[in-house]
Amino acid sequence: VRRNITLFLVNGQEIHVDLFTSPLTPGEGGTGLIIEIQA
């Protein structure tokens, strides 16, 4: 969990978000990562 971080978009805009990341297990459709972004 990372809160109130700054992201710079490709169009130059700056936004502030909370980021939540969780690993995906093989039983959930393959290994990988799910990222939740809340503005």
PDB file of all heavy atoms in Angstrom:
ATOM      1  N   VAL A   1       0.870  -1.187   0.000  1.00  0.00           N
ATOM      2  CA  VAL A   1       0.000   0.000   0.000  1.00  0.00           C
ATOM      3  C   VAL A   1       0.899   1.228   0.000  1.00  0.00           C
ATOM      4  O   VAL A   1       1.780   1.355   0.853  1.00  0.00           O
ATOM      5  CB  VAL A   1      -0.916   0.031   1.239  1.00  0.00           C
ATOM      6  CG1 VAL A   1      -1.757   1.298   1.228  1.00  0.00           C
ATOM      7  CG2 VAL A   1      -1.801  -1.201   1.301  1.00  0.00           C
ATOM      8  N   ARG A   2       0.673   2.111  -0.961  1.00  0.00           N
ATOM      9  CA  ARG A   2       1.402   3.390  -0.989  1.00  0.00           C
ATOM     10  C   ARG A   2       0.378   4.503  -1.156  1.00  0.00           C
ATOM     11  O   ARG A   2      -0.400   4.510  -2.109  1.00  0.00           O
ATOM     12  CB  ARG A   2       2.413   3.420  -2.138  1.00  0.00           C
ATOM     13  CG  ARG A   2       3.466   2.325  -2.032  1.00  0.00           C
ATOM     14  CD  ARG A   2       4.632   2.577  -2.949  1.00  0.00           C
ATOM     15  NE  ARG A   2       5.409   3.728  -2.510  1.00  0.00           N
ATOM     16  CZ  ARG A   2       6.461   4.200  -3.178  1.00  0.00           C
ATOM     17  NH1 ARG A   2       6.836   3.642  -4.319  1.00  0.00           N
ATOM     18  NH2 ARG A   2       7.130   5.245  -2.720  1.00  0.00           N
ATOM     19  N   ARG A   3       0.374   5.422  -0.219  1.00  0.00           N
ATOM     20  CA  ARG A   3      -0.673   6.441  -0.192  1.00  0.00           C
ATOM     21  C   ARG A   3      -0.157   7.805  -0.653  1.00  0.00           C
ATOM     22  O   ARG A   3       0.984   8.177  -0.397  1.00  0.00           O
ATOM     23  CB  ARG A   3      -1.270   6.557   1.212  1.00  0.00           C
ATOM     24  CG  ARG A   3      -1.993   5.283   1.650  1.00  0.00           C
ATOM     25  CD  ARG A   3      -2.860   5.513   2.862  1.00  0.00           C
ATOM     26  NE  ARG A   3      -3.560   4.291   3.258  1.00  0.00           N
ATOM     27  CZ  ARG A   3      -4.707   3.880   2.723  1.00  0.00           C
ATOM     28  NH1 ARG A   3      -5.283   4.589   1.771  1.00  0.00           N
ATOM     29  NH2 ARG A   3      -5.277   2.756   3.141  1.00  0.00           N
ATOM     30  N   ASN A   4      -1.076   8.493  -1.334  1.00  0.00           N
ATOM     31  CA  ASN A   4      -0.844   9.881  -1.779  1.00  0.00           C
ATOM     32  C   ASN A   4       0.479  10.038  -2.528  1.00  0.00           C
ATOM     33  O   ASN A   4       1.281  10.923  -2.243  1.00  0.00           O
ATOM     34  CB  ASN A   4      -0.890  10.834  -0.582  1.00  0.00           C
ATOM     35  CG  ASN A   4      -1.135  12.272  -1.014  1.00  0.00           C
ATOM     36  OD1 ASN A   4      -1.652  12.529  -2.105  1.00  0.00           O
ATOM     37  ND2 ASN A   4      -0.754  13.217  -0.177  1.00  0.00           N
ATOM     38  N   ILE A   5       0.694   9.176  -3.523  1.00  0.00           N
ATOM     39  CA  ILE A   5       1.887   9.310  -4.348  1.00  0.00           C
ATOM     40  C   ILE A   5       1.540  10.108  -5.600  1.00  0.00           C
ATOM     41  O   ILE A   5       0.371  10.222  -5.996  1.00  0.00           O
ATOM     42  CB  ILE A   5       2.492   7.948  -4.735  1.00  0.00           C
ATOM     43  CG1 ILE A   5       1.591   7.213  -5.741  1.00  0.00           C
ATOM     44  CG2 ILE A   5       2.739   7.088  -3.510  1.00  0.00           C
ATOM     45  CD1 ILE A   5       2.246   5.990  -6.334  1.00  0.00           C
ATOM     46  N   THR A   6       2.543  10.670  -6.207  1.00  0.00           N
ATOM     47  CA  THR A   6       2.349  11.526  -7.384  1.00  0.00           C
ATOM     48  C   THR A   6       2.675  10.745  -8.653  1.00  0.00           C
ATOM     49  O   THR A   6       3.733  10.106  -8.743  1.00  0.00           O
ATOM     50  CB  THR A   6       3.250  12.766  -7.304  1.00  0.00           C
ATOM     51  OG1 THR A   6       2.961  13.472  -6.093  1.00  0.00           O
ATOM     52  CG2 THR A   6       3.016  13.689  -8.492  1.00  0.00           C
ATOM     53  N   LEU A   7       1.757  10.793  -9.608  1.00  0.00           N
ATOM     54  CA  LEU A   7       1.981  10.178 -10.915  1.00  0.00           C
ATOM     55  C   LEU A   7       1.969  11.275 -11.978  1.00  0.00           C
ATOM     56  O   LEU A   7       1.132  12.178 -11.942  1.00  0.00           O
ATOM     57  CB  LEU A   7       0.890   9.153 -11.234  1.00  0.00           C
ATOM     58  CG  LEU A   7       0.756   7.951 -10.291  1.00  0.00           C
ATOM     59  CD1 LEU A   7      -0.352   7.024 -10.784  1.00  0.00           C
ATOM     60  CD2 LEU A   7       2.065   7.196 -10.160  1.00  0.00           C
ATOM     61  N   PHE A   8       2.899  11.173 -12.925  1.00  0.00           N
ATOM     62  CA  PHE A   8       2.973  12.119 -14.035  1.00  0.00           C
ATOM     63  C   PHE A   8       2.527  11.401 -15.301  1.00  0.00           C
ATOM     64  O   PHE A   8       3.185  10.458 -15.754  1.00  0.00           O
ATOM     65  CB  PHE A   8       4.398  12.664 -14.188  1.00  0.00           C
ATOM     66  CG  PHE A   8       4.882  13.422 -12.986  1.00  0.00           C
ATOM     67  CD1 PHE A   8       5.611  12.781 -11.985  1.00  0.00           C
ATOM     68  CD2 PHE A   8       4.578  14.768 -12.830  1.00  0.00           C
ATOM     69  CE1 PHE A   8       6.046  13.478 -10.866  1.00  0.00           C
ATOM     70  CE2 PHE A   8       5.004  15.472 -11.719  1.00  0.00           C
ATOM     71  CZ  PHE A   8       5.740  14.828 -10.731  1.00  0.00           C
ATOM     72  N   LEU A   9       1.397  11.821 -15.837  1.00  0.00           N
ATOM     73  CA  LEU A   9       0.830  11.161 -17.005  1.00  0.00           C
ATOM     74  C   LEU A   9       1.588  11.533 -18.270  1.00  0.00           C
ATOM     75  O   LEU A   9       2.341  12.511 -18.302  1.00  0.00           O
ATOM     76  CB  LEU A   9      -0.645  11.530 -17.146  1.00  0.00           C
ATOM     77  CG  LEU A   9      -1.514  11.330 -15.888  1.00  0.00           C
ATOM     78  CD1 LEU A   9      -2.974  11.598 -16.208  1.00  0.00           C
ATOM     79  CD2 LEU A   9      -1.329   9.930 -15.304  1.00  0.00           C
ATOM     80  N   VAL A  10       1.358  10.765 -19.311  1.00  0.00           N
ATOM     81  CA  VAL A  10       2.038  11.007 -20.581  1.00  0.00           C
ATOM     82  C   VAL A  10       1.693  12.383 -21.144  1.00  0.00           C
ATOM     83  O   VAL A  10       2.513  13.035 -21.786  1.00  0.00           O
ATOM     84  CB  VAL A  10       1.676   9.897 -21.595  1.00  0.00           C
ATOM     85  CG1 VAL A  10       2.284  10.200 -22.965  1.00  0.00           C
ATOM     86  CG2 VAL A  10       2.164   8.543 -21.097  1.00  0.00           C
ATOM     87  N   ASN A  11       0.460  12.863 -20.868  1.00  0.00           N
ATOM     88  CA  ASN A  11       0.052  14.170 -21.383  1.00  0.00           C
ATOM     89  C   ASN A  11       0.564  15.342 -20.543  1.00  0.00           C
ATOM     90  O   ASN A  11       0.220  16.497 -20.774  1.00  0.00           O
ATOM     91  CB  ASN A  11      -1.478  14.248 -21.490  1.00  0.00           C
ATOM     92  CG  ASN A  11      -2.170  14.160 -20.127  1.00  0.00           C
ATOM     93  OD1 ASN A  11      -1.517  14.078 -19.089  1.00  0.00           O
ATOM     94  ND2 ASN A  11      -3.484  14.172 -20.139  1.00  0.00           N
ATOM     95  N   GLY A  12       1.383  15.032 -19.503  1.00  0.00           N
ATOM     96  CA  GLY A  12       1.953  16.078 -18.679  1.00  0.00           C
ATOM     97  C   GLY A  12       1.175  16.385 -17.422  1.00  0.00           C
ATOM     98  O   GLY A  12       1.654  17.114 -16.545  1.00  0.00           O
ATOM     99  N   GLN A  13      -0.036  15.836 -17.295  1.00  0.00           N
ATOM    100  CA  GLN A  13      -0.856  16.107 -16.121  1.00  0.00           C
ATOM    101  C   GLN A  13      -0.294  15.382 -14.896  1.00  0.00           C
ATOM    102  O   GLN A  13       0.265  14.288 -14.988  1.00  0.00           O
ATOM    103  CB  GLN A  13      -2.297  15.652 -16.370  1.00  0.00           C
ATOM    104  CG  GLN A  13      -3.254  15.975 -15.229  1.00  0.00           C
ATOM    105  CD  GLN A  13      -4.664  15.519 -15.538  1.00  0.00           C
ATOM    106  OE1 GLN A  13      -5.021  15.265 -16.690  1.00  0.00           O
ATOM    107  NE2 GLN A  13      -5.497  15.403 -14.513  1.00  0.00           N
ATOM    108  N   GLU A  14      -0.469  15.990 -13.744  1.00  0.00           N
ATOM    109  CA  GLU A  14      -0.021  15.416 -12.475  1.00  0.00           C
ATOM    110  C   GLU A  14      -1.232  15.035 -11.646  1.00  0.00           C
ATOM    111  O   GLU A  14      -2.159  15.835 -11.487  1.00  0.00           O
ATOM    112  CB  GLU A  14       0.837  16.443 -11.729  1.00  0.00           C
ATOM    113  CG  GLU A  14       1.273  16.028 -10.343  1.00  0.00           C
ATOM    114  CD  GLU A  14       2.041  17.139  -9.642  1.00  0.00           C
ATOM    115  OE1 GLU A  14       2.802  17.874 -10.303  1.00  0.00           O
ATOM    116  OE2 GLU A  14       1.871  17.286  -8.413  1.00  0.00           O
ATOM    117  N   ILE A  15      -1.251  13.791 -11.147  1.00  0.00           N
ATOM    118  CA  ILE A  15      -2.361  13.358 -10.300  1.00  0.00           C
ATOM    119  C   ILE A  15      -1.799  12.735  -9.026  1.00  0.00           C
ATOM    120  O   ILE A  15      -0.637  12.308  -8.975  1.00  0.00           O
ATOM    121  CB  ILE A  15      -3.289  12.350 -11.016  1.00  0.00           C
ATOM    122  CG1 ILE A  15      -2.513  11.075 -11.387  1.00  0.00           C
ATOM    123  CG2 ILE A  15      -3.937  12.970 -12.233  1.00  0.00           C
ATOM    124  CD1 ILE A  15      -3.418   9.973 -11.927  1.00  0.00           C
ATOM    125  N   HIS A  16      -2.644  12.677  -7.991  1.00  0.00           N
ATOM    126  CA  HIS A  16      -2.246  12.098  -6.711  1.00  0.00           C
ATOM    127  C   HIS A  16      -3.164  10.917  -6.412  1.00  0.00           C
ATOM    128  O   HIS A  16      -4.393  11.056  -6.473  1.00  0.00           O
ATOM    129  CB  HIS A  16      -2.326  13.142  -5.599  1.00  0.00           C
ATOM    130  CG  HIS A  16      -1.499  14.357  -5.879  1.00  0.00           C
ATOM    131  ND1 HIS A  16      -0.152  14.414  -5.638  1.00  0.00           N
ATOM    132  CD2 HIS A  16      -1.829  15.561  -6.435  1.00  0.00           C
ATOM    133  CE1 HIS A  16       0.320  15.585  -5.993  1.00  0.00           C
ATOM    134  NE2 HIS A  16      -0.671  16.302  -6.484  1.00  0.00           N
ATOM    135  N   VAL A  17      -2.558   9.781  -6.109  1.00  0.00           N
ATOM    136  CA  VAL A  17      -3.334   8.555  -5.957  1.00  0.00           C
ATOM    137  C   VAL A  17      -2.835   7.723  -4.783  1.00  0.00           C
ATOM    138  O   VAL A  17      -1.723   7.920  -4.274  1.00  0.00           O
ATOM    139  CB  VAL A  17      -3.260   7.688  -7.240  1.00  0.00           C
ATOM    140  CG1 VAL A  17      -3.749   8.459  -8.456  1.00  0.00           C
ATOM    141  CG2 VAL A  17      -1.839   7.171  -7.463  1.00  0.00           C
ATOM    142  N   ASP A  18      -3.692   6.787  -4.368  1.00  0.00           N
ATOM    143  CA  ASP A  18      -3.288   5.698  -3.481  1.00  0.00           C
ATOM    144  C   ASP A  18      -3.134   4.457  -4.350  1.00  0.00           C
ATOM    145  O   ASP A  18      -4.003   4.168  -5.187  1.00  0.00           O
ATOM    146  CB  ASP A  18      -4.343   5.440  -2.405  1.00  0.00           C
ATOM    147  CG  ASP A  18      -4.447   6.575  -1.392  1.00  0.00           C
ATOM    148  OD1 ASP A  18      -3.469   7.337  -1.257  1.00  0.00           O
ATOM    149  OD2 ASP A  18      -5.513   6.700  -0.747  1.00  0.00           O
ATOM    150  N   LEU A  19      -2.028   3.727  -4.171  1.00  0.00           N
ATOM    151  CA  LEU A  19      -1.762   2.517  -4.950  1.00  0.00           C
ATOM    152  C   LEU A  19      -1.788   1.300  -4.045  1.00  0.00           C
ATOM    153  O   LEU A  19      -1.154   1.291  -2.977  1.00  0.00           O
ATOM    154  CB  LEU A  19      -0.393   2.595  -5.632  1.00  0.00           C
ATOM    155  CG  LEU A  19      -0.272   3.356  -6.956  1.00  0.00           C
ATOM    156  CD1 LEU A  19       1.143   3.228  -7.500  1.00  0.00           C
ATOM    157  CD2 LEU A  19      -1.267   2.859  -7.982  1.00  0.00           C
ATOM    158  N   PHE A  20      -2.499   0.265  -4.466  1.00  0.00           N
ATOM    159  CA  PHE A  20      -2.547  -1.007  -3.746  1.00  0.00           C
ATOM    160  C   PHE A  20      -2.153  -2.107  -4.730  1.00  0.00           C
ATOM    161  O   PHE A  20      -2.706  -2.175  -5.838  1.00  0.00           O
ATOM    162  CB  PHE A  20      -3.958  -1.281  -3.214  1.00  0.00           C
ATOM    163  CG  PHE A  20      -4.546  -0.155  -2.408  1.00  0.00           C
ATOM    164  CD1 PHE A  20      -5.196   0.910  -3.033  1.00  0.00           C
ATOM    165  CD2 PHE A  20      -4.449  -0.145  -1.033  1.00  0.00           C
ATOM    166  CE1 PHE A  20      -5.737   1.948  -2.293  1.00  0.00           C
ATOM    167  CE2 PHE A  20      -4.989   0.889  -0.277  1.00  0.00           C
ATOM    168  CZ  PHE A  20      -5.632   1.936  -0.902  1.00  0.00           C
ATOM    169  N   THR A  21      -1.209  -2.939  -4.374  1.00  0.00           N
ATOM    170  CA  THR A  21      -0.795  -4.038  -5.251  1.00  0.00           C
ATOM    171  C   THR A  21      -0.958  -5.358  -4.524  1.00  0.00           C
ATOM    172  O   THR A  21      -0.704  -5.455  -3.315  1.00  0.00           O
ATOM    173  CB  THR A  21       0.666  -3.881  -5.705  1.00  0.00           C
ATOM    174  OG1 THR A  21       1.527  -4.035  -4.570  1.00  0.00           O
ATOM    175  CG2 THR A  21       0.902  -2.520  -6.331  1.00  0.00           C
ATOM    176  N   SER A  22      -1.377  -6.377  -5.264  1.00  0.00           N
ATOM    177  CA  SER A  22      -1.535  -7.719  -4.708  1.00  0.00           C
ATOM    178  C   SER A  22      -1.059  -8.736  -5.734  1.00  0.00           C
ATOM    179  O   SER A  22      -1.366  -8.597  -6.932  1.00  0.00           O
ATOM    180  CB  SER A  22      -2.996  -8.008  -4.357  1.00  0.00           C
ATOM    181  OG  SER A  22      -3.490  -7.055  -3.436  1.00  0.00           O
ATOM    182  N   PRO A  23      -0.315  -9.766  -5.307  1.00  0.00           N
ATOM    183  CA  PRO A  23       0.125 -10.792  -6.251  1.00  0.00           C
ATOM    184  C   PRO A  23      -1.023 -11.710  -6.645  1.00  0.00           C
ATOM    185  O   PRO A  23      -1.920 -11.987  -5.843  1.00  0.00           O
ATOM    186  CB  PRO A  23       1.194 -11.556  -5.457  1.00  0.00           C
ATOM    187  CG  PRO A  23       0.814 -11.353  -4.017  1.00  0.00           C
ATOM    188  CD  PRO A  23       0.186  -9.991  -3.937  1.00  0.00           C
ATOM    189  N   LEU A  24      -1.021 -12.129  -7.894  1.00  0.00           N
ATOM    190  CA  LEU A  24      -1.991 -13.112  -8.372  1.00  0.00           C
ATOM    191  C   LEU A  24      -1.386 -14.499  -8.221  1.00  0.00           C
ATOM    192  O   LEU A  24      -0.218 -14.715  -8.553  1.00  0.00           O
ATOM    193  CB  LEU A  24      -2.341 -12.864  -9.839  1.00  0.00           C
ATOM    194  CG  LEU A  24      -3.242 -11.669 -10.153  1.00  0.00           C
ATOM    195  CD1 LEU A  24      -3.346 -11.480 -11.654  1.00  0.00           C
ATOM    196  CD2 LEU A  24      -4.623 -11.869  -9.557  1.00  0.00           C
ATOM    197  N   THR A  25      -2.186 -15.431  -7.753  1.00  0.00           N
ATOM    198  CA  THR A  25      -1.717 -16.812  -7.610  1.00  0.00           C
ATOM    199  C   THR A  25      -2.160 -17.608  -8.828  1.00  0.00           C
ATOM    200  O   THR A  25      -3.093 -17.218  -9.537  1.00  0.00           O
ATOM    201  CB  THR A  25      -2.295 -17.443  -6.333  1.00  0.00           C
ATOM    202  OG1 THR A  25      -3.715 -17.529  -6.471  1.00  0.00           O
ATOM    203  CG2 THR A  25      -1.946 -16.605  -5.116  1.00  0.00           C
ATOM    204  N   PRO A  26      -1.519 -18.748  -9.092  1.00  0.00           N
ATOM    205  CA  PRO A  26      -1.908 -19.552 -10.258  1.00  0.00           C
ATOM    206  C   PRO A  26      -3.384 -19.903 -10.280  1.00  0.00           C
ATOM    207  O   PRO A  26      -4.007 -19.982 -11.331  1.00  0.00           O
ATOM    208  CB  PRO A  26      -1.035 -20.805 -10.102  1.00  0.00           C
ATOM    209  CG  PRO A  26       0.175 -20.328  -9.358  1.00  0.00           C
ATOM    210  CD  PRO A  26      -0.340 -19.297  -8.401  1.00  0.00           C
ATOM    211  N   GLY A  27      -3.980 -20.072  -9.107  1.00  0.00           N
ATOM    212  CA  GLY A  27      -5.401 -20.408  -9.064  1.00  0.00           C
ATOM    213  C   GLY A  27      -6.299 -19.262  -9.465  1.00  0.00           C
ATOM    214  O   GLY A  27      -7.481 -19.441  -9.683  1.00  0.00           O
ATOM    215  N   GLU A  28      -5.754 -18.043  -9.598  1.00  0.00           N
ATOM    216  CA  GLU A  28      -6.550 -16.875  -9.972  1.00  0.00           C
ATOM    217  C   GLU A  28      -6.350 -16.517 -11.437  1.00  0.00           C
ATOM    218  O   GLU A  28      -6.632 -15.416 -11.867  1.00  0.00           O
ATOM    219  CB  GLU A  28      -6.162 -15.679  -9.080  1.00  0.00           C
ATOM    220  CG  GLU A  28      -6.531 -15.881  -7.614  1.00  0.00           C
ATOM    221  CD  GLU A  28      -5.991 -14.765  -6.726  1.00  0.00           C
ATOM    222  OE1 GLU A  28      -4.867 -14.293  -7.014  1.00  0.00           O
ATOM    223  OE2 GLU A  28      -6.672 -14.393  -5.766  1.00  0.00           O
ATOM    224  N   GLY A  29      -5.813 -17.433 -12.212  1.00  0.00           N
ATOM    225  CA  GLY A  29      -5.689 -17.184 -13.648  1.00  0.00           C
ATOM    226  C   GLY A  29      -4.261 -16.933 -14.081  1.00  0.00           C
ATOM    227  O   GLY A  29      -4.046 -16.348 -15.130  1.00  0.00           O
ATOM    228  N   GLY A  30      -3.292 -17.382 -13.306  1.00  0.00           N
ATOM    229  CA  GLY A  30      -1.895 -17.185 -13.714  1.00  0.00           C
ATOM    230  C   GLY A  30      -1.187 -16.234 -12.787  1.00  0.00           C
ATOM    231  O   GLY A  30      -1.803 -15.390 -12.160  1.00  0.00           O
ATOM    232  N   THR A  31       0.129 -16.395 -12.666  1.00  0.00           N
ATOM    233  CA  THR A  31       0.887 -15.513 -11.795  1.00  0.00           C
ATOM    234  C   THR A  31       0.949 -14.118 -12.391  1.00  0.00           C
ATOM    235  O   THR A  31       0.880 -13.946 -13.604  1.00  0.00           O
ATOM    236  CB  THR A  31       2.310 -16.055 -11.581  1.00  0.00           C
ATOM    237  OG1 THR A  31       2.934 -16.198 -12.865  1.00  0.00           O
ATOM    238  CG2 THR A  31       2.292 -17.389 -10.861  1.00  0.00           C
ATOM    239  N   GLY A  32       1.118 -13.151 -11.546  1.00  0.00           N
ATOM    240  CA  GLY A  32       1.183 -11.774 -12.005  1.00  0.00           C
ATOM    241  C   GLY A  32       0.860 -10.835 -10.873  1.00  0.00           C
ATOM    242  O   GLY A  32       1.092 -11.142  -9.699  1.00  0.00           O
ATOM    243  N   LEU A  33       0.284  -9.703 -11.210  1.00  0.00           N
ATOM    244  CA  LEU A  33       0.061  -8.655 -10.219  1.00  0.00           C
ATOM    245  C   LEU A  33      -1.226  -7.912 -10.556  1.00  0.00           C
ATOM    246  O   LEU A  33      -1.536  -7.674 -11.730  1.00  0.00           O
ATOM    247  CB  LEU A  33       1.247  -7.681 -10.249  1.00  0.00           C
ATOM    248  CG  LEU A  33       1.421  -6.714  -9.078  1.00  0.00           C
ATOM    249  CD1 LEU A  33       1.775  -7.482  -7.805  1.00  0.00           C
ATOM    250  CD2 LEU A  33       2.538  -5.725  -9.408  1.00  0.00           C
ATOM    251  N   ILE A  34      -1.979  -7.566  -9.530  1.00  0.00           N
ATOM    252  CA  ILE A  34      -3.154  -6.723  -9.717  1.00  0.00           C
ATOM    253  C   ILE A  34      -2.910  -5.404  -8.981  1.00  0.00           C
ATOM    254  O   ILE A  34      -2.462  -5.405  -7.831  1.00  0.00           O
ATOM    255  CB  ILE A  34      -4.450  -7.409  -9.223  1.00  0.00           C
ATOM    256  CG1 ILE A  34      -5.663  -6.510  -9.518  1.00  0.00           C
ATOM    257  CG2 ILE A  34      -4.383  -7.761  -7.748  1.00  0.00           C
ATOM    258  CD1 ILE A  34      -6.989  -7.228  -9.361  1.00  0.00           C
ATOM    259  N   ILE A  35      -3.130  -4.297  -9.666  1.00  0.00           N
ATOM    260  CA  ILE A  35      -2.871  -2.972  -9.123  1.00  0.00           C
ATOM    261  C   ILE A  35      -4.191  -2.217  -9.030  1.00  0.00           C
ATOM    262  O   ILE A  35      -4.942  -2.118 -10.015  1.00  0.00           O
ATOM    263  CB  ILE A  35      -1.885  -2.191 -10.005  1.00  0.00           C
ATOM    264  CG1 ILE A  35      -0.578  -2.964 -10.165  1.00  0.00           C
ATOM    265  CG2 ILE A  35      -1.615  -0.800  -9.428  1.00  0.00           C
ATOM    266  CD1 ILE A  35       0.390  -2.338 -11.161  1.00  0.00           C
ATOM    267  N   GLU A  36      -4.472  -1.687  -7.857  1.00  0.00           N
ATOM    268  CA  GLU A  36      -5.671  -0.871  -7.639  1.00  0.00           C
ATOM    269  C   GLU A  36      -5.238   0.581  -7.467  1.00  0.00           C
ATOM    270  O   GLU A  36      -4.332   0.875  -6.680  1.00  0.00           O
ATOM    271  CB  GLU A  36      -6.407  -1.359  -6.392  1.00  0.00           C
ATOM    272  CG  GLU A  36      -7.669  -0.562  -6.081  1.00  0.00           C
ATOM    273  CD  GLU A  36      -8.332  -1.042  -4.801  1.00  0.00           C
ATOM    274  OE1 GLU A  36      -7.948  -2.123  -4.294  1.00  0.00           O
ATOM    275  OE2 GLU A  36      -9.212  -0.327  -4.293  1.00  0.00           O
ATOM    276  N   ILE A  37      -5.859   1.472  -8.235  1.00  0.00           N
ATOM    277  CA  ILE A  37      -5.495   2.894  -8.203  1.00  0.00           C
ATOM    278  C   ILE A  37      -6.713   3.702  -7.775  1.00  0.00           C
ATOM    279  O   ILE A  37      -7.766   3.653  -8.415  1.00  0.00           O
ATOM    280  CB  ILE A  37      -5.022   3.391  -9.583  1.00  0.00           C
ATOM    281  CG1 ILE A  37      -3.963   2.454 -10.167  1.00  0.00           C
ATOM    282  CG2 ILE A  37      -4.473   4.815  -9.501  1.00  0.00           C
ATOM    283  CD1 ILE A  37      -3.571   2.796 -11.594  1.00  0.00           C
ATOM    284  N   GLN A  38      -6.560   4.446  -6.706  1.00  0.00           N
ATOM    285  CA  GLN A  38      -7.654   5.280  -6.206  1.00  0.00           C
ATOM    286  C   GLN A  38      -7.204   6.731  -6.180  1.00  0.00           C
ATOM    287  O   GLN A  38      -6.200   7.062  -5.549  1.00  0.00           O
ATOM    288  CB  GLN A  38      -8.064   4.829  -4.811  1.00  0.00           C
ATOM    289  CG  GLN A  38      -9.384   5.414  -4.340  1.00  0.00           C
ATOM    290  CD  GLN A  38      -9.866   4.730  -3.072  1.00  0.00           C
ATOM    291  OE1 GLN A  38      -9.342   4.993  -1.995  1.00  0.00           O
ATOM    292  NE2 GLN A  38     -10.854   3.863  -3.189  1.00  0.00           N
ATOM    293  N   ALA A  39      -7.923   7.578  -6.893  1.00  0.00           N
ATOM    294  CA  ALA A  39      -7.530   8.980  -7.014  1.00  0.00           C
ATOM    295  C   ALA A  39      -7.831   9.738  -5.737  1.00  0.00           C
ATOM    296  O   ALA A  39      -8.984   9.849  -5.315  1.00  0.00           O
ATOM    297  CB  ALA A  39      -8.243   9.636  -8.188  1.00  0.00           C
TER     298      ALA A  39
END
